[in-house]
C-alpha atoms as a PDB file:
ATOM      1  CA  UNK A   1       4.326 -51.102 -71.857  1.00  0.00           C
ATOM      2  CA  UNK A   2       3.096 -48.020 -69.982  1.00  0.00           C
ATOM      3  CA  UNK A   3       4.077 -45.748 -72.884  1.00  0.00           C
ATOM      4  CA  UNK A   4       2.216 -48.008 -75.319  1.00  0.00           C
ATOM      5  CA  UNK A   5      -0.989 -47.829 -73.231  1.00  0.00           C
ATOM      6  CA  UNK A   6      -0.636 -44.055 -72.915  1.00  0.00           C
ATOM      7  CA  UNK A   7      -0.341 -43.576 -76.698  1.00  0.00           C
ATOM      8  CA  UNK A   8      -3.208 -45.935 -77.348  1.00  0.00           C
ATOM      9  CA  UNK A   9      -5.465 -44.013 -74.971  1.00  0.00           C
ATOM     10  CA  UNK A  10      -4.573 -40.696 -76.616  1.00  0.00           C
ATOM     11  CA  UNK A  11      -5.306 -42.168 -80.037  1.00  0.00           C
ATOM     12  CA  UNK A  12      -8.747 -43.384 -78.926  1.00  0.00           C
ATOM     13  CA  UNK A  13      -9.599 -39.981 -77.388  1.00  0.00           C
ATOM     14  CA  UNK A  14      -8.524 -38.216 -80.594  1.00  0.00           C
ATOM     15  CA  UNK A  15     -10.729 -40.503 -82.714  1.00  0.00           C
ATOM     16  CA  UNK A  16     -13.717 -39.996 -80.415  1.00  0.00           C
ATOM     17  CA  UNK A  17     -13.297 -36.211 -80.606  1.00  0.00           C
ATOM     18  CA  UNK A  18     -13.483 -36.277 -84.398  1.00  0.00           C
ATOM     19  CA  UNK A  19     -16.608 -38.417 -84.222  1.00  0.00           C
ATOM     20  CA  UNK A  20     -18.282 -35.869 -81.925  1.00  0.00           C
ATOM     21  CA  UNK A  21     -17.569 -32.870 -84.142  1.00  0.00           C
ATOM     22  CA  UNK A  22     -16.167 -29.653 -82.649  1.00  0.00           C
ATOM     23  CA  UNK A  23     -17.345 -30.387 -79.111  1.00  0.00           C
ATOM     24  CA  UNK A  24     -14.752 -29.582 -76.519  1.00  0.00           C
ATOM     25  CA  UNK A  25     -13.155 -32.429 -74.657  1.00  0.00           C
ATOM     26  CA  UNK A  26     -11.956 -31.960 -71.091  1.00  0.00           C
ATOM     27  CA  UNK A  27      -8.286 -32.580 -70.606  1.00  0.00           C
ATOM     28  CA  UNK A  28      -7.097 -34.342 -67.477  1.00  0.00           C
ATOM     29  CA  UNK A  29      -3.676 -33.141 -66.371  1.00  0.00           C
ATOM     30  CA  UNK A  30      -2.840 -36.547 -64.989  1.00  0.00           C
ATOM     31  CA  UNK A  31      -3.084 -37.997 -68.546  1.00  0.00           C
ATOM     32  CA  UNK A  32      -0.745 -35.447 -70.131  1.00  0.00           C
ATOM     33  CA  UNK A  33       2.995 -35.762 -70.167  1.00  0.00           C
ATOM     34  CA  UNK A  34       4.810 -33.713 -67.531  1.00  0.00           C
ATOM     35  CA  UNK A  35       5.749 -30.166 -68.578  1.00  0.00           C
ATOM     36  CA  UNK A  36       8.983 -28.404 -67.834  1.00  0.00           C
ATOM     37  CA  UNK A  37       9.661 -24.679 -67.579  1.00  0.00           C
ATOM     38  CA  UNK A  38      12.882 -22.879 -68.226  1.00  0.00           C
ATOM     39  CA  UNK A  39      13.658 -19.792 -66.073  1.00  0.00           C
ATOM     40  CA  UNK A  40      14.808 -16.830 -68.093  1.00  0.00           C
ATOM     41  CA  UNK A  41      16.735 -14.004 -66.415  1.00  0.00           C
ATOM     42  CA  UNK A  42      18.704 -13.687 -63.165  1.00  0.00           C
ATOM     43  CA  UNK A  43      17.831 -16.033 -60.284  1.00  0.00           C
ATOM     44  CA  UNK A  44      15.309 -14.847 -57.663  1.00  0.00           C
ATOM     45  CA  UNK A  45      16.799 -13.168 -54.618  1.00  0.00           C
ATOM     46  CA  UNK A  46      16.683 -15.123 -51.386  1.00  0.00           C
ATOM     47  CA  UNK A  47      14.571 -13.488 -48.626  1.00  0.00           C
ATOM     48  CA  UNK A  48      16.368 -13.310 -45.257  1.00  0.00           C
ATOM     49  CA  UNK A  49      14.115 -13.597 -42.192  1.00  0.00           C
ATOM     50  CA  UNK A  50      15.481 -11.735 -39.176  1.00  0.00           C
ATOM     51  CA  UNK A  51      14.361 -12.551 -35.590  1.00  0.00           C
ATOM     52  CA  UNK A  52      12.412  -9.815 -33.742  1.00  0.00           C
ATOM     53  CA  UNK A  53      14.598  -7.453 -31.684  1.00  0.00           C
ATOM     54  CA  UNK A  54      15.112  -8.448 -28.073  1.00  0.00           C
ATOM     55  CA  UNK A  55      13.343  -6.580 -25.278  1.00  0.00           C
ATOM     56  CA  UNK A  56      15.571  -3.926 -23.737  1.00  0.00           C
ATOM     57  CA  UNK A  57      15.148  -2.387 -20.260  1.00  0.00           C
ATOM     58  CA  UNK A  58      16.500   1.140 -20.167  1.00  0.00           C
ATOM     59  CA  UNK A  59      16.440   1.580 -16.392  1.00  0.00           C
ATOM     60  CA  UNK A  60      18.775   0.145 -13.808  1.00  0.00           C
ATOM     61  CA  UNK A  61      17.886  -3.264 -12.395  1.00  0.00           C
ATOM     62  CA  UNK A  62      17.336  -3.857  -8.658  1.00  0.00           C
ATOM     63  CA  UNK A  63      16.215  -0.297  -7.971  1.00  0.00           C
ATOM     64  CA  UNK A  64      14.964   0.731  -4.510  1.00  0.00           C
ATOM     65  CA  UNK A  65      11.981   2.910  -3.640  1.00  0.00           C
ATOM     66  CA  UNK A  66      10.965   4.405  -0.280  1.00  0.00           C
ATOM     67  CA  UNK A  67       7.271   4.992   0.357  1.00  0.00           C
ATOM     68  CA  UNK A  68       5.325   6.121   3.420  1.00  0.00           C
ATOM     69  CA  UNK A  69       2.363   4.253   4.866  1.00  0.00           C
ATOM     70  CA  UNK A  70      -0.896   5.572   3.410  1.00  0.00           C
ATOM     71  CA  UNK A  71       0.630   7.097   0.279  1.00  0.00           C
ATOM     72  CA  UNK A  72       0.754   5.755  -3.308  1.00  0.00           C
ATOM     73  CA  UNK A  73       3.905   3.918  -4.418  1.00  0.00           C
ATOM     74  CA  UNK A  74       4.791   3.892  -8.147  1.00  0.00           C
ATOM     75  CA  UNK A  75       7.177   1.217  -9.465  1.00  0.00           C
ATOM     76  CA  UNK A  76       8.546   1.779 -12.995  1.00  0.00           C
ATOM     77  CA  UNK A  77       9.329  -0.711 -15.781  1.00  0.00           C
ATOM     78  CA  UNK A  78      10.644   0.999 -18.932  1.00  0.00           C
ATOM     79  CA  UNK A  79      10.779  -1.734 -21.599  1.00  0.00           C
ATOM     80  CA  UNK A  80      11.433  -1.264 -25.359  1.00  0.00           C
ATOM     81  CA  UNK A  81      10.778  -3.773 -28.174  1.00  0.00           C
ATOM     82  CA  UNK A  82       8.073  -5.576 -26.253  1.00  0.00           C
ATOM     83  CA  UNK A  83       6.259  -6.423 -29.502  1.00  0.00           C
ATOM     84  CA  UNK A  84       3.520  -9.018 -29.120  1.00  0.00           C
ATOM     85  CA  UNK A  85       4.815 -10.113 -25.728  1.00  0.00           C
ATOM     86  CA  UNK A  86       2.980  -9.427 -22.462  1.00  0.00           C
ATOM     87  CA  UNK A  87       4.283  -7.373 -19.535  1.00  0.00           C
ATOM     88  CA  UNK A  88       3.321  -8.639 -16.060  1.00  0.00           C
ATOM     89  CA  UNK A  89       4.025  -7.561 -12.481  1.00  0.00           C
ATOM     90  CA  UNK A  90       4.698 -10.251  -9.842  1.00  0.00           C
ATOM     91  CA  UNK A  91       5.119  -9.939  -6.066  1.00  0.00           C
ATOM     92  CA  UNK A  92       8.180 -12.041  -5.313  1.00  0.00           C
ATOM     93  CA  UNK A  93       7.326 -12.703  -1.663  1.00  0.00           C
ATOM     94  CA  UNK A  94       4.607 -15.196  -2.602  1.00  0.00           C
ATOM     95  CA  UNK A  95       4.906 -15.132  -6.440  1.00  0.00           C
ATOM     96  CA  UNK A  96       1.462 -13.560  -6.585  1.00  0.00           C
ATOM     97  CA  UNK A  97       0.533 -12.341 -10.083  1.00  0.00           C
ATOM     98  CA  UNK A  98      -0.597  -8.714  -9.744  1.00  0.00           C
ATOM     99  CA  UNK A  99      -1.103  -7.469 -13.320  1.00  0.00           C
ATOM    100  CA  UNK A 100      -1.133  -8.941 -16.850  1.00  0.00           C
ATOM    101  CA  UNK A 101      -0.809  -6.462 -19.692  1.00  0.00           C
ATOM    102  CA  UNK A 102      -3.090  -3.518 -18.984  1.00  0.00           C
ATOM    103  CA  UNK A 103      -5.342  -5.486 -16.626  1.00  0.00           C
ATOM    104  CA  UNK A 104      -5.079  -5.935 -12.847  1.00  0.00           C
ATOM    105  CA  UNK A 105      -5.021  -9.621 -11.924  1.00  0.00           C
ATOM    106  CA  UNK A 106      -5.169  -9.289  -8.124  1.00  0.00           C
ATOM    107  CA  UNK A 107      -8.294  -9.257  -5.970  1.00  0.00           C
ATOM    108  CA  UNK A 108      -6.680  -6.393  -4.027  1.00  0.00           C
ATOM    109  CA  UNK A 109      -7.892  -3.292  -5.867  1.00  0.00           C
ATOM    110  CA  UNK A 110      -5.027  -1.237  -4.433  1.00  0.00           C
ATOM    111  CA  UNK A 111      -2.830  -2.640  -7.240  1.00  0.00           C
ATOM    112  CA  UNK A 112      -3.191  -0.952 -10.636  1.00  0.00           C
ATOM    113  CA  UNK A 113      -1.121  -0.830 -13.837  1.00  0.00           C
ATOM    114  CA  UNK A 114      -0.683   2.231 -16.028  1.00  0.00           C
ATOM    115  CA  UNK A 115       1.073   2.197 -19.397  1.00  0.00           C
ATOM    116  CA  UNK A 116       2.748   5.459 -20.414  1.00  0.00           C
ATOM    117  CA  UNK A 117       3.089   4.955 -24.174  1.00  0.00           C
ATOM    118  CA  UNK A 118       5.429   7.893 -24.815  1.00  0.00           C
ATOM    119  CA  UNK A 119       7.949   6.458 -22.363  1.00  0.00           C
ATOM    120  CA  UNK A 120       7.236   2.722 -22.831  1.00  0.00           C
ATOM    121  CA  UNK A 121       6.787   2.640 -19.061  1.00  0.00           C
ATOM    122  CA  UNK A 122       4.638  -0.074 -17.486  1.00  0.00           C
ATOM    123  CA  UNK A 123       3.957   1.381 -14.036  1.00  0.00           C
ATOM    124  CA  UNK A 124       2.700  -0.550 -11.022  1.00  0.00           C
ATOM    125  CA  UNK A 125       0.693   1.707  -8.686  1.00  0.00           C
ATOM    126  CA  UNK A 126       0.098   0.587  -5.083  1.00  0.00           C
ATOM    127  CA  UNK A 127      -2.469   2.825  -3.404  1.00  0.00           C
ATOM    128  CA  UNK A 128      -2.688   3.294   0.369  1.00  0.00           C
ATOM    129  CA  UNK A 129       0.627   1.527   0.958  1.00  0.00           C
ATOM    130  CA  UNK A 130       0.762  -0.720   4.017  1.00  0.00           C
ATOM    131  CA  UNK A 131       3.678  -2.177   5.950  1.00  0.00           C
ATOM    132  CA  UNK A 132       2.970  -5.644   4.486  1.00  0.00           C
ATOM    133  CA  UNK A 133       3.628  -4.273   0.970  1.00  0.00           C
ATOM    134  CA  UNK A 134       7.350  -4.051   1.764  1.00  0.00           C
ATOM    135  CA  UNK A 135       9.438  -6.324  -0.483  1.00  0.00           C
ATOM    136  CA  UNK A 136      10.656  -7.167  -4.002  1.00  0.00           C
ATOM    137  CA  UNK A 137       8.512  -6.821  -7.141  1.00  0.00           C
ATOM    138  CA  UNK A 138       9.271  -8.288 -10.590  1.00  0.00           C
ATOM    139  CA  UNK A 139       8.362  -6.807 -13.981  1.00  0.00           C
ATOM    140  CA  UNK A 140       8.440  -9.721 -16.462  1.00  0.00           C
ATOM    141  CA  UNK A 141       8.198  -9.719 -20.277  1.00  0.00           C
ATOM    142  CA  UNK A 142       6.900 -12.994 -21.746  1.00  0.00           C
ATOM    143  CA  UNK A 143       9.589 -13.347 -24.433  1.00  0.00           C
ATOM    144  CA  UNK A 144      11.535 -16.564 -25.164  1.00  0.00           C
ATOM    145  CA  UNK A 145      13.230 -16.800 -22.771  1.00  0.00           C
ATOM    146  CA  UNK A 146      11.411 -14.393 -20.417  1.00  0.00           C
ATOM    147  CA  UNK A 147      13.292 -11.312 -19.171  1.00  0.00           C
ATOM    148  CA  UNK A 148      12.685  -9.519 -15.871  1.00  0.00           C
ATOM    149  CA  UNK A 149      13.380  -6.279 -14.034  1.00  0.00           C
ATOM    150  CA  UNK A 150      13.342  -6.163 -10.220  1.00  0.00           C
ATOM    151  CA  UNK A 151      12.395  -3.338  -7.827  1.00  0.00           C
ATOM    152  CA  UNK A 152      12.491  -3.251  -4.021  1.00  0.00           C
ATOM    153  CA  UNK A 153       9.871  -1.259  -2.098  1.00  0.00           C
ATOM    154  CA  UNK A 154      10.756  -0.034   1.408  1.00  0.00           C
ATOM    155  CA  UNK A 155       7.648   0.983   3.374  1.00  0.00           C
ATOM    156  CA  UNK A 156       8.214   3.520   6.156  1.00  0.00           C
ATOM    157  CA  UNK A 157       5.839   4.144   9.042  1.00  0.00           C
ATOM    158  CA  UNK A 158       6.138   7.855   9.788  1.00  0.00           C
ATOM    159  CA  UNK A 159       5.935   9.076  13.383  1.00  0.00           C
ATOM    160  CA  UNK A 160       5.721  12.452  15.080  1.00  0.00           C
ATOM    161  CA  UNK A 161       7.204  13.928  18.263  1.00  0.00           C
ATOM    162  CA  UNK A 162       6.294  17.013  20.294  1.00  0.00           C
ATOM    163  CA  UNK A 163       9.498  18.548  21.601  1.00  0.00           C
ATOM    164  CA  UNK A 164       9.759  19.018  25.357  1.00  0.00           C
ATOM    165  CA  UNK A 165       7.368  16.175  26.248  1.00  0.00           C
ATOM    166  CA  UNK A 166       5.870  14.261  27.830  1.00  0.00           C
ATOM    167  CA  UNK A 167       4.919  17.068  30.268  1.00  0.00           C
ATOM    168  CA  UNK A 168       5.329  20.817  30.332  1.00  0.00           C
ATOM    169  CA  UNK A 169       4.621  23.391  33.082  1.00  0.00           C
ATOM    170  CA  UNK A 170       3.469  26.938  32.424  1.00  0.00           C
ATOM    171  CA  UNK A 171       2.209  29.910  34.428  1.00  0.00           C
ATOM    172  CA  UNK A 172      -1.096  31.681  33.907  1.00  0.00           C
ATOM    173  CA  UNK A 173      -0.897  34.423  31.270  1.00  0.00           C
ATOM    174  CA  UNK A 174       2.154  33.025  29.438  1.00  0.00           C
ATOM    175  CA  UNK A 175       2.184  31.899  25.783  1.00  0.00           C
ATOM    176  CA  UNK A 176       2.204  28.272  24.725  1.00  0.00           C
ATOM    177  CA  UNK A 177       4.344  27.157  21.785  1.00  0.00           C
ATOM    178  CA  UNK A 178       4.404  23.466  20.832  1.00  0.00           C
ATOM    179  CA  UNK A 179       6.640  22.127  18.046  1.00  0.00           C
ATOM    180  CA  UNK A 180       5.659  18.839  16.382  1.00  0.00           C
ATOM    181  CA  UNK A 181       8.440  17.168  14.368  1.00  0.00           C
ATOM    182  CA  UNK A 182       7.692  14.493  11.748  1.00  0.00           C
ATOM    183  CA  UNK A 183      10.019  11.492  11.496  1.00  0.00           C
ATOM    184  CA  UNK A 184      10.545   9.137   8.507  1.00  0.00           C
ATOM    185  CA  UNK A 185       8.025  10.911   6.284  1.00  0.00           C
ATOM    186  CA  UNK A 186       8.662  10.756   2.526  1.00  0.00           C
ATOM    187  CA  UNK A 187       6.356  13.675   1.713  1.00  0.00           C
ATOM    188  CA  UNK A 188       4.741  16.553   3.602  1.00  0.00           C
ATOM    189  CA  UNK A 189       1.439  15.675   5.305  1.00  0.00           C
ATOM    190  CA  UNK A 190      -1.826  16.703   3.692  1.00  0.00           C
ATOM    191  CA  UNK A 191      -2.936  18.166   7.043  1.00  0.00           C
ATOM    192  CA  UNK A 192      -1.904  18.378  10.706  1.00  0.00           C
ATOM    193  CA  UNK A 193      -4.678  18.474  13.285  1.00  0.00           C
ATOM    194  CA  UNK A 194      -4.082  19.622  16.864  1.00  0.00           C
ATOM    195  CA  UNK A 195      -6.313  18.469  19.719  1.00  0.00           C
ATOM    196  CA  UNK A 196      -6.792  19.676  23.288  1.00  0.00           C
ATOM    197  CA  UNK A 197      -8.047  16.538  25.004  1.00  0.00           C
ATOM    198  CA  UNK A 198     -10.777  15.379  22.565  1.00  0.00           C
ATOM    199  CA  UNK A 199     -11.447  18.746  20.877  1.00  0.00           C
ATOM    200  CA  UNK A 200      -9.708  19.837  17.675  1.00  0.00           C
ATOM    201  CA  UNK A 201      -8.422  23.394  18.149  1.00  0.00           C
ATOM    202  CA  UNK A 202      -6.981  24.287  14.728  1.00  0.00           C
ATOM    203  CA  UNK A 203      -9.987  26.473  14.021  1.00  0.00           C
ATOM    204  CA  UNK A 204     -11.030  27.385  17.561  1.00  0.00           C
ATOM    205  CA  UNK A 205     -13.749  30.041  17.432  1.00  0.00           C
ATOM    206  CA  UNK A 206     -13.220  31.609  20.868  1.00  0.00           C
ATOM    207  CA  UNK A 207      -9.458  31.399  21.454  1.00  0.00           C
ATOM    208  CA  UNK A 208      -6.478  32.840  19.615  1.00  0.00           C
ATOM    209  CA  UNK A 209      -4.972  29.608  18.286  1.00  0.00           C
ATOM    210  CA  UNK A 210      -2.500  29.638  15.403  1.00  0.00           C
ATOM    211  CA  UNK A 211      -0.978  26.651  13.583  1.00  0.00           C
ATOM    212  CA  UNK A 212       1.953  26.934  11.160  1.00  0.00           C
ATOM    213  CA  UNK A 213       2.979  23.980   8.981  1.00  0.00           C
ATOM    214  CA  UNK A 214       6.319  23.894   7.205  1.00  0.00           C
ATOM    215  CA  UNK A 215       7.219  20.578   5.617  1.00  0.00           C
ATOM    216  CA  UNK A 216       8.215  18.286   8.447  1.00  0.00           C
ATOM    217  CA  UNK A 217       7.237  20.749  11.216  1.00  0.00           C
ATOM    218  CA  UNK A 218       3.958  21.904  12.707  1.00  0.00           C
ATOM    219  CA  UNK A 219       3.894  24.626  15.377  1.00  0.00           C
ATOM    220  CA  UNK A 220       0.959  25.440  17.662  1.00  0.00           C
ATOM    221  CA  UNK A 221       0.706  28.906  19.252  1.00  0.00           C
ATOM    222  CA  UNK A 222      -1.671  29.736  22.115  1.00  0.00           C
ATOM    223  CA  UNK A 223      -1.374  33.063  23.901  1.00  0.00           C
ATOM    224  CA  UNK A 224      -2.444  34.025  27.426  1.00  0.00           C
ATOM    225  CA  UNK A 225      -2.982  30.509  28.748  1.00  0.00           C
ATOM    226  CA  UNK A 226      -5.463  29.888  31.558  1.00  0.00           C
ATOM    227  CA  UNK A 227      -5.945  27.003  34.004  1.00  0.00           C
ATOM    228  CA  UNK A 228      -8.623  25.631  31.679  1.00  0.00           C
ATOM    229  CA  UNK A 229      -5.925  25.194  29.035  1.00  0.00           C
ATOM    230  CA  UNK A 230      -4.319  22.426  31.081  1.00  0.00           C
ATOM    231  CA  UNK A 231      -4.668  18.959  29.642  1.00  0.00           C
ATOM    232  CA  UNK A 232      -3.450  16.633  26.936  1.00  0.00           C
ATOM    233  CA  UNK A 233      -2.386  18.102  23.577  1.00  0.00           C
ATOM    234  CA  UNK A 234      -2.126  15.875  20.485  1.00  0.00           C
ATOM    235  CA  UNK A 235      -0.346  16.491  17.174  1.00  0.00           C
ATOM    236  CA  UNK A 236      -2.021  14.308  14.514  1.00  0.00           C
ATOM    237  CA  UNK A 237      -0.551  14.612  10.984  1.00  0.00           C
ATOM    238  CA  UNK A 238      -2.086  12.668   8.101  1.00  0.00           C
ATOM    239  CA  UNK A 239      -0.594   9.190   7.499  1.00  0.00           C
ATOM    240  CA  UNK A 240       1.586   9.613  10.608  1.00  0.00           C
ATOM    241  CA  UNK A 241       1.493   8.216  14.121  1.00  0.00           C
ATOM    242  CA  UNK A 242       0.325  11.037  16.462  1.00  0.00           C
ATOM    243  CA  UNK A 243       2.283  12.501  19.382  1.00  0.00           C
ATOM    244  CA  UNK A 244       1.092  13.693  22.797  1.00  0.00           C
ATOM    245  CA  UNK A 245       2.147  16.105  25.547  1.00  0.00           C
ATOM    246  CA  UNK A 246       0.473  17.082  28.823  1.00  0.00           C
ATOM    247  CA  UNK A 247       0.378  20.793  29.698  1.00  0.00           C
ATOM    248  CA  UNK A 248       0.089  21.949  33.320  1.00  0.00           C
ATOM    249  CA  UNK A 249      -0.940  25.599  33.790  1.00  0.00           C
ATOM    250  CA  UNK A 250       0.132  26.645  37.316  1.00  0.00           C
ATOM    251  CA  UNK A 251      -2.146  28.969  39.240  1.00  0.00           C
ATOM    252  CA  UNK A 252      -0.771  31.731  41.436  1.00  0.00           C
ATOM    253  CA  UNK A 253       1.391  30.220  44.205  1.00  0.00           C
ATOM    254  CA  UNK A 254       1.279  26.673  42.802  1.00  0.00           C
ATOM    255  CA  UNK A 255       4.468  24.686  42.255  1.00  0.00           C
ATOM    256  CA  UNK A 256       5.356  21.644  40.213  1.00  0.00           C
ATOM    257  CA  UNK A 257       5.632  19.626  43.417  1.00  0.00           C
ATOM    258  CA  UNK A 258       2.081  20.577  44.348  1.00  0.00           C
ATOM    259  CA  UNK A 259       0.884  19.530  40.923  1.00  0.00           C
ATOM    260  CA  UNK A 260       2.596  16.140  41.288  1.00  0.00           C
ATOM    261  CA  UNK A 261       1.176  15.700  44.792  1.00  0.00           C
ATOM    262  CA  UNK A 262      -2.333  16.523  43.609  1.00  0.00           C
ATOM    263  CA  UNK A 263      -1.961  14.216  40.645  1.00  0.00           C
ATOM    264  CA  UNK A 264      -0.776  11.440  42.952  1.00  0.00           C
ATOM    265  CA  UNK A 265      -3.669  11.917  45.349  1.00  0.00           C
ATOM    266  CA  UNK A 266      -6.106  11.902  42.465  1.00  0.00           C
ATOM    267  CA  UNK A 267      -4.710   8.663  41.147  1.00  0.00           C
ATOM    268  CA  UNK A 268      -4.444   6.936  44.567  1.00  0.00           C
ATOM    269  CA  UNK A 269      -8.106   6.189  45.478  1.00  0.00           C
ATOM    270  CA  UNK A 270      -8.856   2.488  45.510  1.00  0.00           C
ATOM    271  CA  UNK A 271     -11.292   0.975  43.009  1.00  0.00           C
ATOM    272  CA  UNK A 272     -14.853   0.731  44.399  1.00  0.00           C
ATOM    273  CA  UNK A 273     -14.897  -3.071  44.363  1.00  0.00           C
ATOM    274  CA  UNK A 274     -11.661  -3.319  46.362  1.00  0.00           C
ATOM    275  CA  UNK A 275     -12.983  -0.781  48.884  1.00  0.00           C
ATOM    276  CA  UNK A 276     -16.169  -2.806  49.352  1.00  0.00           C
ATOM    277  CA  UNK A 277     -14.209  -6.027  49.884  1.00  0.00           C
ATOM    278  CA  UNK A 278     -11.993  -4.367  52.507  1.00  0.00           C
ATOM    279  CA  UNK A 279     -15.053  -3.013  54.366  1.00  0.00           C
ATOM    280  CA  UNK A 280     -16.700  -6.470  54.407  1.00  0.00           C
ATOM    281  CA  UNK A 281     -13.478  -8.047  55.704  1.00  0.00           C
ATOM    282  CA  UNK A 282     -13.297  -5.443  58.457  1.00  0.00           C
ATOM    283  CA  UNK A 283     -16.890  -6.097  59.514  1.00  0.00           C
ATOM    284  CA  UNK A 284     -16.305  -9.868  59.529  1.00  0.00           C
ATOM    285  CA  UNK A 285     -13.198  -9.586  61.706  1.00  0.00           C
ATOM    286  CA  UNK A 286     -14.973  -7.230  64.099  1.00  0.00           C
ATOM    287  CA  UNK A 287     -17.922  -9.562  64.605  1.00  0.00           C
ATOM    288  CA  UNK A 288     -15.607 -12.553  65.054  1.00  0.00           C
ATOM    289  CA  UNK A 289     -13.654 -10.741  67.758  1.00  0.00           C
ATOM    290  CA  UNK A 290     -16.789  -9.749  69.668  1.00  0.00           C
ATOM    291  CA  UNK A 291     -18.152 -13.294  69.593  1.00  0.00           C
ATOM    292  CA  UNK A 292     -14.975 -14.984  70.805  1.00  0.00           C
ATOM    293  CA  UNK A 293     -14.531 -12.568  73.729  1.00  0.00           C
ATOM    294  CA  UNK A 294     -18.143 -12.769  74.867  1.00  0.00           C
ATOM    295  CA  UNK A 295     -18.717  -9.108  74.249  1.00  0.00           C
ATOM    296  CA  UNK A 296     -21.067  -9.888  71.453  1.00  0.00           C
ATOM    297  CA  UNK A 297     -23.432 -12.149  73.385  1.00  0.00           C
ATOM    298  CA  UNK A 298     -25.692  -9.310  74.258  1.00  0.00           C
ATOM    299  CA  UNK A 299     -26.005  -8.534  70.629  1.00  0.00           C
ATOM    300  CA  UNK A 300     -27.420 -12.011  69.781  1.00  0.00           C
ATOM    301  CA  UNK A 301     -31.201 -12.205  69.489  1.00  0.00           C
ATOM    302  CA  UNK A 302     -33.116 -13.908  72.331  1.00  0.00           C
ATOM    303  CA  UNK A 303     -34.469 -17.381  71.698  1.00  0.00           C
ATOM    304  CA  UNK A 304     -38.111 -17.882  72.702  1.00  0.00           C
END
C-alpha cells in the first residue's frame, strides 16, 4: 500500500511538472527512494588514539633541604610531560595551597613560584625563611590520577660564639684579638658588625681596629688597649644570633680579684626605694622606743 501511494505521488508530480513547462521543481530527499553507495578500493585505515604520556619526575622523591633563617630557600620540582595539567605547591603541615601554575596563591608574599622552561623545573622560592617554615612541601601535578613529589625543608637558626668568653682580662698596652665562630650557618654572612658597648667599631675613625672575615670566622684586632677599651664587645653577623664578651683592661697594679671586688661593690648598693623603706622603719622603731621608755616625753609638744 505504501509503495502504491509513493508511485502515485511521483506520477502526479511528474504530470504537474509537464503542465508548468521547464520550471524547476524542488526535490525532497524524504520522498526519494534510499540510495546506496559502493566503496571502491582498499578499506580505510583505522585511526588509533593513544593516551597522553604520563608525567615523569626526574628527581628523587622525599628530598631534604637545609636553609638558614633569613635566607631564601629554593625547592625544586622537575616534571616532564605536564601537558595541559597544572603544577601546584602545597604545604603539608596544614594543606595550605601556596601556588597554582605560575601564580602565587598564598597571602604570604614570601612564597613565589618560578618556572625554568629549559629544565622543566617548577621552583618554590621561600624568601626570608623563618623557623615556622620547617616541614614537608608537596609538588602536585593535576593529572588523572594526580601525582606528587615531596620535599622536606629543615630550617636552621644560626648562632655565633666568641671564643674565650664570657670575660677576658688584659693589661694596658697589650693587643686584643677576638675570634667569633659561626654555628649552623648554611652560607657565609653578608656582613659581620662588631660593637663596643653600643658603638659599632668596624670603621672606627680614631682607633686602629681591623676586622677579618673568612667564611664562618670573624676576627677583631685592636692594638694598644687602654682602660677606656674595657666593656662589652658584641659580634653580630647577618641572619645570626649575636655573641658577647666582656673585656677588662687592668691598670698598673690591678688584679683580677680587685676587678671582681670592685664589680661586686658596684652591684651591691640597694635600690633607692628599699633604702627609703629601711630608713622609715628605723625612724619608726626609734620613736617607739623613746616613747615607751619615757625618754621621748620631753620631745612632745606642750598642750595649752
